[in-house]
Amino acid sequence: FYSVLSSGINAEYGGTLPSPIIFGWVIDKFCTVWRVSEDGTRGNCWLYDIDNLMLWFITMRVVLRCLSVTCYFICWWVYPESTKKVEGEENGGEKGEKNAI
């Protein structure tokens, strides 16, 4: 129970919470014109550098997709062959063969 709870907490704080913070920080970095109030505090962004922002998002999408595909193939390669054989035997021996009732 505790391992499931801790993995859920790790996924929550490690995967979902930092993402909006990081992406918000990056989007703010591409702001070129900020609204400034009379007392000098910075408000919301009025104008973004769209070309560089779009390039950054596309680059991040490609990099993360390549990382995902790489991890998938590493898992596929490391997956033990003995486990694959056991799964095939559970279905009645040969692949495609159905058990008669």
N, C-alpha and C. Protein backbone atom coordinates (compact mmCIF):
# COMPACT_ATOMS: atom_id res chain seq x y z
N PHE A 1 0.82 -1.19 0.00
CA PHE A 1 0.00 0.00 0.00
C PHE A 1 0.87 1.25 0.00
N TYR A 2 1.90 1.25 0.84
CA TYR A 2 2.74 2.44 0.95
C TYR A 2 3.53 2.70 -0.33
N SER A 3 3.93 1.62 -1.02
CA SER A 3 4.68 1.83 -2.26
C SER A 3 3.77 2.43 -3.34
N VAL A 4 2.51 2.01 -3.37
CA VAL A 4 1.58 2.58 -4.34
C VAL A 4 1.32 4.05 -4.00
N LEU A 5 1.16 4.33 -2.73
CA LEU A 5 0.93 5.70 -2.29
C LEU A 5 2.13 6.59 -2.62
N SER A 6 3.33 6.09 -2.34
CA SER A 6 4.52 6.90 -2.61
C SER A 6 4.75 7.09 -4.09
N SER A 7 4.45 6.07 -4.91
CA SER A 7 4.61 6.25 -6.35
C SER A 7 3.58 7.24 -6.89
N GLY A 8 2.39 7.25 -6.33
CA GLY A 8 1.39 8.24 -6.74
C GLY A 8 1.80 9.64 -6.36
N ILE A 9 2.36 9.78 -5.18
CA ILE A 9 2.83 11.09 -4.74
C ILE A 9 4.01 11.54 -5.59
N ASN A 10 4.93 10.62 -5.90
CA ASN A 10 6.06 10.97 -6.76
C ASN A 10 5.60 11.39 -8.14
N ALA A 11 4.62 10.70 -8.69
CA ALA A 11 4.10 11.07 -10.01
C ALA A 11 3.41 12.42 -9.95
N GLU A 12 2.70 12.67 -8.87
CA GLU A 12 1.99 13.94 -8.72
C GLU A 12 2.95 15.11 -8.64
N TYR A 13 3.91 15.00 -7.74
CA TYR A 13 4.83 16.13 -7.53
C TYR A 13 5.97 16.14 -8.52
N GLY A 14 6.30 15.02 -9.09
CA GLY A 14 7.40 14.97 -10.03
C GLY A 14 6.99 15.11 -11.48
N GLY A 15 5.73 14.81 -11.79
CA GLY A 15 5.31 14.83 -13.17
C GLY A 15 4.31 15.90 -13.54
N THR A 16 3.35 16.15 -12.66
CA THR A 16 2.27 17.05 -13.06
C THR A 16 2.44 18.46 -12.54
N LEU A 17 2.97 18.64 -11.35
CA LEU A 17 3.07 19.98 -10.79
C LEU A 17 4.17 20.83 -11.42
N PRO A 18 5.37 20.31 -11.66
CA PRO A 18 6.41 21.18 -12.23
C PRO A 18 6.14 21.60 -13.67
N SER A 19 5.39 20.84 -14.41
CA SER A 19 5.18 21.14 -15.83
C SER A 19 4.58 22.52 -16.08
N PRO A 20 3.46 22.91 -15.45
CA PRO A 20 2.94 24.25 -15.70
C PRO A 20 3.87 25.35 -15.23
N ILE A 21 4.62 25.09 -14.17
CA ILE A 21 5.55 26.10 -13.67
C ILE A 21 6.69 26.29 -14.67
N ILE A 22 7.23 25.21 -15.17
CA ILE A 22 8.34 25.29 -16.13
C ILE A 22 7.87 25.92 -17.43
N PHE A 23 6.73 25.47 -17.96
CA PHE A 23 6.24 26.03 -19.21
C PHE A 23 5.85 27.50 -19.04
N GLY A 24 5.30 27.88 -17.92
CA GLY A 24 4.99 29.27 -17.67
C GLY A 24 6.24 30.14 -17.63
N TRP A 25 7.29 29.61 -17.02
CA TRP A 25 8.56 30.33 -16.97
C TRP A 25 9.13 30.52 -18.37
N VAL A 26 9.06 29.46 -19.18
CA VAL A 26 9.58 29.54 -20.55
C VAL A 26 8.76 30.53 -21.37
N ILE A 27 7.45 30.48 -21.26
CA ILE A 27 6.61 31.41 -22.01
C ILE A 27 6.91 32.84 -21.59
N ASP A 28 7.13 33.07 -20.30
CA ASP A 28 7.49 34.41 -19.83
C ASP A 28 8.83 34.87 -20.39
N LYS A 29 9.75 33.95 -20.62
CA LYS A 29 11.06 34.31 -21.17
C LYS A 29 10.94 34.85 -22.59
N PHE A 30 9.91 34.46 -23.33
CA PHE A 30 9.73 34.90 -24.70
C PHE A 30 8.85 36.14 -24.81
N CYS A 31 8.54 36.77 -23.69
CA CYS A 31 7.75 37.99 -23.71
C CYS A 31 8.65 39.17 -24.06
N THR A 32 8.19 40.00 -24.98
CA THR A 32 8.99 41.16 -25.39
C THR A 32 8.45 42.47 -24.82
N VAL A 33 7.14 42.55 -24.58
CA VAL A 33 6.55 43.78 -24.03
C VAL A 33 5.67 43.42 -22.85
N TRP A 34 6.03 43.95 -21.68
CA TRP A 34 5.27 43.72 -20.45
C TRP A 34 4.44 44.96 -20.12
N ARG A 35 3.30 44.73 -19.53
CA ARG A 35 2.50 45.84 -18.99
C ARG A 35 3.12 46.24 -17.66
N VAL A 36 3.40 47.50 -17.49
CA VAL A 36 3.98 48.01 -16.25
C VAL A 36 3.00 49.01 -15.66
N SER A 37 2.64 48.78 -14.40
CA SER A 37 1.69 49.69 -13.75
C SER A 37 2.41 50.98 -13.31
N GLU A 38 1.62 51.90 -12.80
CA GLU A 38 2.17 53.20 -12.39
C GLU A 38 3.16 53.08 -11.24
N ASP A 39 2.97 52.09 -10.39
CA ASP A 39 3.90 51.93 -9.27
C ASP A 39 5.13 51.11 -9.65
N GLY A 40 5.24 50.69 -10.90
CA GLY A 40 6.44 50.01 -11.38
C GLY A 40 6.39 48.49 -11.35
N THR A 41 5.28 47.91 -10.91
CA THR A 41 5.19 46.45 -10.88
C THR A 41 4.87 45.92 -12.27
N ARG A 42 5.43 44.78 -12.58
CA ARG A 42 5.24 44.16 -13.88
C ARG A 42 3.93 43.39 -13.89
N GLY A 43 3.14 43.57 -14.93
CA GLY A 43 1.86 42.88 -15.06
C GLY A 43 1.93 41.75 -16.05
N ASN A 44 0.90 41.63 -16.87
CA ASN A 44 0.86 40.55 -17.85
C ASN A 44 1.61 40.94 -19.11
N CYS A 45 1.87 39.92 -19.95
CA CYS A 45 2.62 40.14 -21.18
C CYS A 45 1.69 40.64 -22.28
N TRP A 46 2.14 41.62 -23.03
CA TRP A 46 1.34 42.16 -24.13
C TRP A 46 1.79 41.63 -25.49
N LEU A 47 3.07 41.26 -25.62
CA LEU A 47 3.60 40.83 -26.91
C LEU A 47 4.66 39.76 -26.72
N TYR A 48 4.51 38.67 -27.43
CA TYR A 48 5.46 37.56 -27.36
C TYR A 48 6.29 37.48 -28.63
N ASP A 49 7.48 36.91 -28.50
CA ASP A 49 8.31 36.59 -29.66
C ASP A 49 7.81 35.23 -30.18
N ILE A 50 6.79 35.27 -31.01
CA ILE A 50 6.07 34.06 -31.43
C ILE A 50 6.96 33.10 -32.20
N ASP A 51 7.84 33.61 -33.07
CA ASP A 51 8.68 32.73 -33.88
C ASP A 51 9.59 31.86 -33.01
N ASN A 52 10.27 32.48 -32.06
CA ASN A 52 11.16 31.71 -31.18
C ASN A 52 10.38 30.83 -30.21
N LEU A 53 9.22 31.30 -29.75
CA LEU A 53 8.39 30.49 -28.86
C LEU A 53 7.90 29.24 -29.58
N MET A 54 7.45 29.39 -30.83
CA MET A 54 6.99 28.25 -31.62
C MET A 54 8.14 27.28 -31.87
N LEU A 55 9.31 27.80 -32.18
CA LEU A 55 10.48 26.95 -32.41
C LEU A 55 10.83 26.16 -31.16
N TRP A 56 10.76 26.81 -29.99
CA TRP A 56 11.08 26.12 -28.75
C TRP A 56 10.08 25.00 -28.48
N PHE A 57 8.79 25.27 -28.66
CA PHE A 57 7.78 24.24 -28.41
C PHE A 57 7.92 23.07 -29.37
N ILE A 58 8.18 23.33 -30.63
CA ILE A 58 8.35 22.23 -31.60
C ILE A 58 9.59 21.42 -31.26
N THR A 59 10.68 22.10 -30.91
CA THR A 59 11.90 21.39 -30.54
C THR A 59 11.69 20.52 -29.32
N MET A 60 11.01 21.05 -28.31
CA MET A 60 10.76 20.26 -27.11
C MET A 60 9.87 19.06 -27.40
N ARG A 61 8.88 19.24 -28.29
CA ARG A 61 8.01 18.13 -28.65
C ARG A 61 8.79 17.02 -29.33
N VAL A 62 9.67 17.38 -30.26
CA VAL A 62 10.47 16.38 -30.98
C VAL A 62 11.44 15.68 -30.02
N VAL A 63 12.09 16.44 -29.15
CA VAL A 63 13.04 15.86 -28.21
C VAL A 63 12.33 14.90 -27.25
N LEU A 64 11.20 15.32 -26.70
CA LEU A 64 10.48 14.44 -25.77
C LEU A 64 9.91 13.22 -26.46
N ARG A 65 9.47 13.35 -27.71
CA ARG A 65 8.97 12.20 -28.46
C ARG A 65 10.09 11.20 -28.73
N CYS A 66 11.27 11.69 -29.11
CA CYS A 66 12.42 10.81 -29.35
C CYS A 66 12.83 10.11 -28.06
N LEU A 67 12.79 10.82 -26.94
CA LEU A 67 13.11 10.21 -25.66
C LEU A 67 12.09 9.13 -25.30
N SER A 68 10.83 9.39 -25.58
CA SER A 68 9.79 8.40 -25.31
C SER A 68 9.96 7.15 -26.16
N VAL A 69 10.22 7.32 -27.43
CA VAL A 69 10.42 6.17 -28.33
C VAL A 69 11.67 5.40 -27.92
N THR A 70 12.72 6.10 -27.55
CA THR A 70 13.94 5.43 -27.10
C THR A 70 13.69 4.59 -25.85
N CYS A 71 12.98 5.14 -24.88
CA CYS A 71 12.65 4.39 -23.66
C CYS A 71 11.78 3.18 -23.97
N TYR A 72 10.85 3.34 -24.91
CA TYR A 72 9.99 2.21 -25.29
C TYR A 72 10.83 1.07 -25.86
N PHE A 73 11.76 1.37 -26.77
CA PHE A 73 12.56 0.32 -27.37
C PHE A 73 13.57 -0.28 -26.40
N ILE A 74 14.05 0.50 -25.45
CA ILE A 74 14.92 -0.06 -24.41
C ILE A 74 14.15 -1.06 -23.57
N CYS A 75 12.92 -0.72 -23.18
CA CYS A 75 12.09 -1.64 -22.41
C CYS A 75 11.77 -2.90 -23.21
N TRP A 76 11.48 -2.73 -24.48
CA TRP A 76 11.18 -3.87 -25.34
C TRP A 76 12.39 -4.80 -25.47
N TRP A 77 13.57 -4.22 -25.55
CA TRP A 77 14.78 -5.01 -25.71
C TRP A 77 15.17 -5.71 -24.41
N VAL A 78 14.94 -5.06 -23.27
CA VAL A 78 15.34 -5.61 -21.99
C VAL A 78 14.33 -6.64 -21.47
N TYR A 79 13.09 -6.57 -21.93
CA TYR A 79 12.04 -7.48 -21.47
C TYR A 79 12.50 -8.91 -21.65
N PRO A 80 12.50 -9.73 -20.60
CA PRO A 80 13.06 -11.08 -20.69
C PRO A 80 12.26 -12.01 -21.61
N GLU A 81 12.99 -12.81 -22.36
CA GLU A 81 12.37 -13.75 -23.30
C GLU A 81 11.58 -14.83 -22.56
N SER A 82 12.03 -15.25 -21.38
CA SER A 82 11.34 -16.31 -20.65
C SER A 82 9.92 -15.89 -20.28
N THR A 83 9.71 -14.63 -20.00
CA THR A 83 8.38 -14.14 -19.68
C THR A 83 7.49 -14.17 -20.91
N LYS A 84 8.05 -13.86 -22.08
CA LYS A 84 7.28 -13.90 -23.32
C LYS A 84 6.82 -15.32 -23.62
N LYS A 85 7.68 -16.33 -23.34
CA LYS A 85 7.31 -17.72 -23.60
C LYS A 85 6.21 -18.18 -22.66
N VAL A 86 6.26 -17.76 -21.40
CA VAL A 86 5.23 -18.13 -20.43
C VAL A 86 3.88 -17.58 -20.85
N GLU A 87 3.85 -16.35 -21.33
CA GLU A 87 2.59 -15.76 -21.77
C GLU A 87 2.01 -16.53 -22.95
N GLY A 88 2.85 -17.02 -23.85
CA GLY A 88 2.38 -17.79 -25.00
C GLY A 88 1.83 -19.14 -24.59
N GLU A 89 2.42 -19.78 -23.58
CA GLU A 89 1.97 -21.09 -23.11
C GLU A 89 0.64 -20.99 -22.37
N GLU A 90 0.36 -19.85 -21.74
CA GLU A 90 -0.89 -19.70 -21.00
C GLU A 90 -2.09 -19.73 -21.93
N ASN A 91 -1.93 -19.34 -23.17
CA ASN A 91 -3.03 -19.28 -24.13
C ASN A 91 -3.27 -20.61 -24.83
N GLY A 92 -2.65 -21.66 -24.41
CA GLY A 92 -2.89 -22.96 -25.01
C GLY A 92 -1.75 -23.44 -25.89
N GLY A 93 -0.62 -22.92 -25.74
CA GLY A 93 0.53 -23.39 -26.50
C GLY A 93 0.89 -22.47 -27.63
N GLU A 94 0.44 -22.82 -28.83
CA GLU A 94 0.83 -22.05 -30.00
C GLU A 94 -0.01 -20.79 -30.14
N LYS A 95 0.58 -19.81 -30.80
CA LYS A 95 -0.14 -18.57 -31.02
C LYS A 95 -1.26 -18.80 -32.03
N GLY A 96 -2.37 -18.16 -31.80
CA GLY A 96 -3.49 -18.27 -32.72
C GLY A 96 -4.38 -19.46 -32.46
N GLU A 97 -3.95 -20.38 -31.62
CA GLU A 97 -4.75 -21.58 -31.33
C GLU A 97 -5.73 -21.26 -30.20
N LYS A 98 -6.99 -21.56 -30.41
CA LYS A 98 -8.00 -21.29 -29.39
C LYS A 98 -8.39 -22.61 -28.73
N ASN A 99 -8.68 -22.53 -27.44
CA ASN A 99 -9.09 -23.71 -26.69
C ASN A 99 -10.53 -24.07 -27.06
N ALA A 100 -10.74 -25.34 -27.36
CA ALA A 100 -12.09 -25.81 -27.68
C ALA A 100 -12.85 -26.08 -26.39
N ILE A 101 -14.13 -25.73 -26.41
CA ILE A 101 -14.94 -25.92 -25.20
C ILE A 101 -15.81 -27.13 -25.38
